[in-house]
């Protein structure tokens, strides 16, 4: 579930936070840098050393990490992760890219594990594939109440 942060638009992403589970699966087959063409930061609950010098591991608060990255030069941030990770930097997310697949696998999980705080998004792009897969892109239409003012 990719999420992008403030001001990204259609530009290439500069940073990616691979989900820890994806990292573990990759390590099992010898893949230590899943997105070698991007700067990679893994947010982990436990301190550990990186299996690859191109992958930075931090135990920092995800919201603080995203806000720090936004202050650096470069393009946007693409965040990949589960509901817990996605819910933490929600105040900074201004674009959602949601991938849907025509498969039912169980009772489901929430998109974000965060407090109830509605945020409006507008559909800006969609790709519909022959087999029914869909990629939807949404832009935030309402500012976050807890994100710092811009401008």
C-alpha atoms as a PDB file:
ATOM      1  CA  UNK A   1       0.000   0.000   0.000  1.00  0.00           C
ATOM      2  CA  UNK A   2       2.082   2.940  -1.166  1.00  0.00           C
ATOM      3  CA  UNK A   3       1.458   6.296   0.388  1.00  0.00           C
ATOM      4  CA  UNK A   4       3.179   9.445  -0.697  1.00  0.00           C
ATOM      5  CA  UNK A   5       3.929  12.524   1.299  1.00  0.00           C
ATOM      6  CA  UNK A   6       3.409  16.243   0.772  1.00  0.00           C
ATOM      7  CA  UNK A   7       4.130  17.830  -2.613  1.00  0.00           C
ATOM      8  CA  UNK A   8       5.101  14.742  -4.574  1.00  0.00           C
ATOM      9  CA  UNK A   9       2.777  14.833  -7.572  1.00  0.00           C
ATOM     10  CA  UNK A  10       4.048  12.674 -10.440  1.00  0.00           C
ATOM     11  CA  UNK A  11       7.776  12.996  -9.742  1.00  0.00           C
ATOM     12  CA  UNK A  12       9.991  10.017  -9.002  1.00  0.00           C
ATOM     13  CA  UNK A  13      10.251   8.995  -5.360  1.00  0.00           C
ATOM     14  CA  UNK A  14      13.571   9.369  -3.555  1.00  0.00           C
ATOM     15  CA  UNK A  15      13.006   7.370  -0.394  1.00  0.00           C
ATOM     16  CA  UNK A  16      11.179   4.190   0.362  1.00  0.00           C
ATOM     17  CA  UNK A  17      10.433   2.513   3.656  1.00  0.00           C
ATOM     18  CA  UNK A  18      10.153  -1.220   2.901  1.00  0.00           C
ATOM     19  CA  UNK A  19       7.820  -3.102   5.171  1.00  0.00           C
ATOM     20  CA  UNK A  20       9.774  -5.263   7.607  1.00  0.00           C
ATOM     21  CA  UNK A  21       7.977  -8.432   6.494  1.00  0.00           C
ATOM     22  CA  UNK A  22       9.035  -7.784   2.901  1.00  0.00           C
ATOM     23  CA  UNK A  23      12.589  -7.282   4.141  1.00  0.00           C
ATOM     24  CA  UNK A  24      12.571 -10.593   6.015  1.00  0.00           C
ATOM     25  CA  UNK A  25      11.203 -12.454   2.982  1.00  0.00           C
ATOM     26  CA  UNK A  26      13.883 -10.906   0.778  1.00  0.00           C
ATOM     27  CA  UNK A  27      16.649 -11.818   3.216  1.00  0.00           C
ATOM     28  CA  UNK A  28      15.548 -15.455   3.068  1.00  0.00           C
ATOM     29  CA  UNK A  29      16.459 -15.523  -0.641  1.00  0.00           C
ATOM     30  CA  UNK A  30      19.546 -13.299  -0.396  1.00  0.00           C
ATOM     31  CA  UNK A  31      17.919  -9.986  -1.393  1.00  0.00           C
ATOM     32  CA  UNK A  32      19.266  -7.343   0.993  1.00  0.00           C
ATOM     33  CA  UNK A  33      18.269  -4.190  -0.903  1.00  0.00           C
ATOM     34  CA  UNK A  34      14.756  -4.523  -2.405  1.00  0.00           C
ATOM     35  CA  UNK A  35      14.713  -1.044  -3.978  1.00  0.00           C
ATOM     36  CA  UNK A  36      18.371  -0.522  -4.869  1.00  0.00           C
ATOM     37  CA  UNK A  37      17.594   2.449  -7.131  1.00  0.00           C
ATOM     38  CA  UNK A  38      16.111   4.384  -4.171  1.00  0.00           C
ATOM     39  CA  UNK A  39      17.279   5.509  -0.761  1.00  0.00           C
ATOM     40  CA  UNK A  40      15.817   2.913   1.610  1.00  0.00           C
ATOM     41  CA  UNK A  41      14.858   3.348   5.237  1.00  0.00           C
ATOM     42  CA  UNK A  42      13.370   0.535   7.299  1.00  0.00           C
ATOM     43  CA  UNK A  43      11.452   1.622  10.389  1.00  0.00           C
ATOM     44  CA  UNK A  44      11.794  -1.146  12.955  1.00  0.00           C
ATOM     45  CA  UNK A  45      10.536  -1.600  16.516  1.00  0.00           C
ATOM     46  CA  UNK A  46      13.770  -3.320  17.513  1.00  0.00           C
ATOM     47  CA  UNK A  47      17.292  -1.958  17.021  1.00  0.00           C
ATOM     48  CA  UNK A  48      19.288  -4.072  14.603  1.00  0.00           C
ATOM     49  CA  UNK A  49      22.050  -3.669  12.091  1.00  0.00           C
ATOM     50  CA  UNK A  50      21.333  -3.413   8.391  1.00  0.00           C
ATOM     51  CA  UNK A  51      22.148  -6.398   6.165  1.00  0.00           C
ATOM     52  CA  UNK A  52      23.093  -3.950   3.399  1.00  0.00           C
ATOM     53  CA  UNK A  53      24.941  -0.599   3.533  1.00  0.00           C
ATOM     54  CA  UNK A  54      22.294   0.861   1.175  1.00  0.00           C
ATOM     55  CA  UNK A  55      19.497   0.173   3.696  1.00  0.00           C
ATOM     56  CA  UNK A  56      19.190   2.445   6.734  1.00  0.00           C
ATOM     57  CA  UNK A  57      17.384   0.996   9.759  1.00  0.00           C
ATOM     58  CA  UNK A  58      15.822   3.347  12.288  1.00  0.00           C
ATOM     59  CA  UNK A  59      13.735   2.832  15.398  1.00  0.00           C
ATOM     60  CA  UNK A  60      12.428   6.391  15.153  1.00  0.00           C
ATOM     61  CA  UNK A  61       8.801   7.408  15.328  1.00  0.00           C
ATOM     62  CA  UNK A  62       7.422   7.081  11.754  1.00  0.00           C
ATOM     63  CA  UNK A  63       5.781  10.534  11.833  1.00  0.00           C
ATOM     64  CA  UNK A  64       9.063  12.143  12.947  1.00  0.00           C
ATOM     65  CA  UNK A  65      11.026  10.204  10.318  1.00  0.00           C
ATOM     66  CA  UNK A  66       8.663  11.369   7.541  1.00  0.00           C
ATOM     67  CA  UNK A  67       8.777  14.980   8.744  1.00  0.00           C
ATOM     68  CA  UNK A  68      12.604  14.858   8.864  1.00  0.00           C
ATOM     69  CA  UNK A  69      12.755  13.444   5.327  1.00  0.00           C
ATOM     70  CA  UNK A  70      10.425  16.170   4.062  1.00  0.00           C
ATOM     71  CA  UNK A  71      12.989  18.766   5.169  1.00  0.00           C
ATOM     72  CA  UNK A  72      15.755  17.176   3.071  1.00  0.00           C
ATOM     73  CA  UNK A  73      16.475  18.018  -0.557  1.00  0.00           C
ATOM     74  CA  UNK A  74      15.158  15.566  -3.101  1.00  0.00           C
ATOM     75  CA  UNK A  75      11.878  14.321  -4.448  1.00  0.00           C
ATOM     76  CA  UNK A  76       8.986  12.779  -2.554  1.00  0.00           C
ATOM     77  CA  UNK A  77       8.658   9.934  -0.108  1.00  0.00           C
ATOM     78  CA  UNK A  78       6.957   6.632  -0.827  1.00  0.00           C
ATOM     79  CA  UNK A  79       5.928   4.682   2.236  1.00  0.00           C
ATOM     80  CA  UNK A  80       5.184   0.954   2.020  1.00  0.00           C
ATOM     81  CA  UNK A  81       3.934  -0.878   5.042  1.00  0.00           C
ATOM     82  CA  UNK A  82       1.082  -2.305   7.000  1.00  0.00           C
ATOM     83  CA  UNK A  83      -1.760  -0.608   8.828  1.00  0.00           C
ATOM     84  CA  UNK A  84       0.263   0.262  11.940  1.00  0.00           C
ATOM     85  CA  UNK A  85       3.045   1.930   9.960  1.00  0.00           C
ATOM     86  CA  UNK A  86       0.630   3.685   7.577  1.00  0.00           C
ATOM     87  CA  UNK A  87      -1.472   5.135  10.381  1.00  0.00           C
ATOM     88  CA  UNK A  88       1.376   6.855  12.193  1.00  0.00           C
ATOM     89  CA  UNK A  89       2.467   9.414   9.535  1.00  0.00           C
ATOM     90  CA  UNK A  90      -1.132   9.902   8.320  1.00  0.00           C
ATOM     91  CA  UNK A  91      -1.058  13.664   9.092  1.00  0.00           C
ATOM     92  CA  UNK A  92       1.686  14.082   6.454  1.00  0.00           C
ATOM     93  CA  UNK A  93       0.177  11.928   3.709  1.00  0.00           C
ATOM     94  CA  UNK A  94      -1.217  13.979   0.844  1.00  0.00           C
ATOM     95  CA  UNK A  95      -1.538  11.282  -1.804  1.00  0.00           C
ATOM     96  CA  UNK A  96      -2.768   7.692  -1.630  1.00  0.00           C
ATOM     97  CA  UNK A  97      -1.999   5.066  -4.245  1.00  0.00           C
ATOM     98  CA  UNK A  98      -4.186   2.067  -3.528  1.00  0.00           C
ATOM     99  CA  UNK A  99      -3.824  -1.245  -5.330  1.00  0.00           C
ATOM    100  CA  UNK A 100      -6.873  -3.518  -5.410  1.00  0.00           C
ATOM    101  CA  UNK A 101      -6.994  -7.121  -6.537  1.00  0.00           C
ATOM    102  CA  UNK A 102     -10.164  -9.135  -7.318  1.00  0.00           C
ATOM    103  CA  UNK A 103      -9.486 -11.697  -4.594  1.00  0.00           C
ATOM    104  CA  UNK A 104     -11.252 -12.200  -1.246  1.00  0.00           C
ATOM    105  CA  UNK A 105      -8.959 -13.636   1.409  1.00  0.00           C
ATOM    106  CA  UNK A 106     -10.838 -13.255   4.680  1.00  0.00           C
ATOM    107  CA  UNK A 107     -12.337 -10.712   7.017  1.00  0.00           C
ATOM    108  CA  UNK A 108      -9.877  -7.964   6.085  1.00  0.00           C
ATOM    109  CA  UNK A 109      -7.885  -5.374   7.978  1.00  0.00           C
ATOM    110  CA  UNK A 110      -8.202  -1.587   8.082  1.00  0.00           C
ATOM    111  CA  UNK A 111      -6.212   0.515   5.630  1.00  0.00           C
ATOM    112  CA  UNK A 112      -4.891   2.615   8.536  1.00  0.00           C
ATOM    113  CA  UNK A 113      -4.664   1.674  12.193  1.00  0.00           C
ATOM    114  CA  UNK A 114      -5.122   5.152  13.633  1.00  0.00           C
ATOM    115  CA  UNK A 115      -7.688   7.114  15.608  1.00  0.00           C
ATOM    116  CA  UNK A 116     -10.929   8.136  13.924  1.00  0.00           C
ATOM    117  CA  UNK A 117     -10.099  11.434  12.271  1.00  0.00           C
ATOM    118  CA  UNK A 118     -11.723  11.798   8.826  1.00  0.00           C
ATOM    119  CA  UNK A 119      -9.570  13.140   6.004  1.00  0.00           C
ATOM    120  CA  UNK A 120     -10.995  13.755   2.542  1.00  0.00           C
ATOM    121  CA  UNK A 121      -9.243  12.623  -0.649  1.00  0.00           C
ATOM    122  CA  UNK A 122     -10.245  13.102  -4.301  1.00  0.00           C
ATOM    123  CA  UNK A 123      -9.703  10.504  -7.031  1.00  0.00           C
ATOM    124  CA  UNK A 124      -7.074  11.883  -9.454  1.00  0.00           C
ATOM    125  CA  UNK A 125      -6.105   8.828 -11.510  1.00  0.00           C
ATOM    126  CA  UNK A 126      -7.086   5.209 -12.051  1.00  0.00           C
ATOM    127  CA  UNK A 127      -5.704   2.254 -13.950  1.00  0.00           C
ATOM    128  CA  UNK A 128      -7.947  -0.714 -14.628  1.00  0.00           C
ATOM    129  CA  UNK A 129      -6.238  -3.868 -15.832  1.00  0.00           C
ATOM    130  CA  UNK A 130      -7.651  -6.661 -17.981  1.00  0.00           C
ATOM    131  CA  UNK A 131      -7.794  -9.156 -15.083  1.00  0.00           C
ATOM    132  CA  UNK A 132      -9.638  -6.727 -12.812  1.00  0.00           C
ATOM    133  CA  UNK A 133      -6.698  -5.313 -10.856  1.00  0.00           C
ATOM    134  CA  UNK A 134      -7.134  -1.601 -10.146  1.00  0.00           C
ATOM    135  CA  UNK A 135      -4.692   1.120  -9.074  1.00  0.00           C
ATOM    136  CA  UNK A 136      -6.407   4.213  -7.671  1.00  0.00           C
ATOM    137  CA  UNK A 137      -4.625   7.504  -6.923  1.00  0.00           C
ATOM    138  CA  UNK A 138      -6.173  10.028  -4.554  1.00  0.00           C
ATOM    139  CA  UNK A 139      -5.030  13.535  -3.543  1.00  0.00           C
ATOM    140  CA  UNK A 140      -5.819  14.988  -0.133  1.00  0.00           C
ATOM    141  CA  UNK A 141      -8.524  17.633  -0.328  1.00  0.00           C
ATOM    142  CA  UNK A 142      -8.687  18.593   3.332  1.00  0.00           C
ATOM    143  CA  UNK A 143      -5.701  19.679   5.399  1.00  0.00           C
ATOM    144  CA  UNK A 144      -4.747  17.688   8.454  1.00  0.00           C
ATOM    145  CA  UNK A 145      -5.571  19.285  11.781  1.00  0.00           C
ATOM    146  CA  UNK A 146      -2.325  18.089  13.353  1.00  0.00           C
ATOM    147  CA  UNK A 147       0.175  18.703  10.542  1.00  0.00           C
ATOM    148  CA  UNK A 148       2.173  21.937  10.654  1.00  0.00           C
ATOM    149  CA  UNK A 149       0.879  24.741   8.423  1.00  0.00           C
ATOM    150  CA  UNK A 150       2.642  25.109   5.088  1.00  0.00           C
ATOM    151  CA  UNK A 151       3.312  28.382   3.414  1.00  0.00           C
END
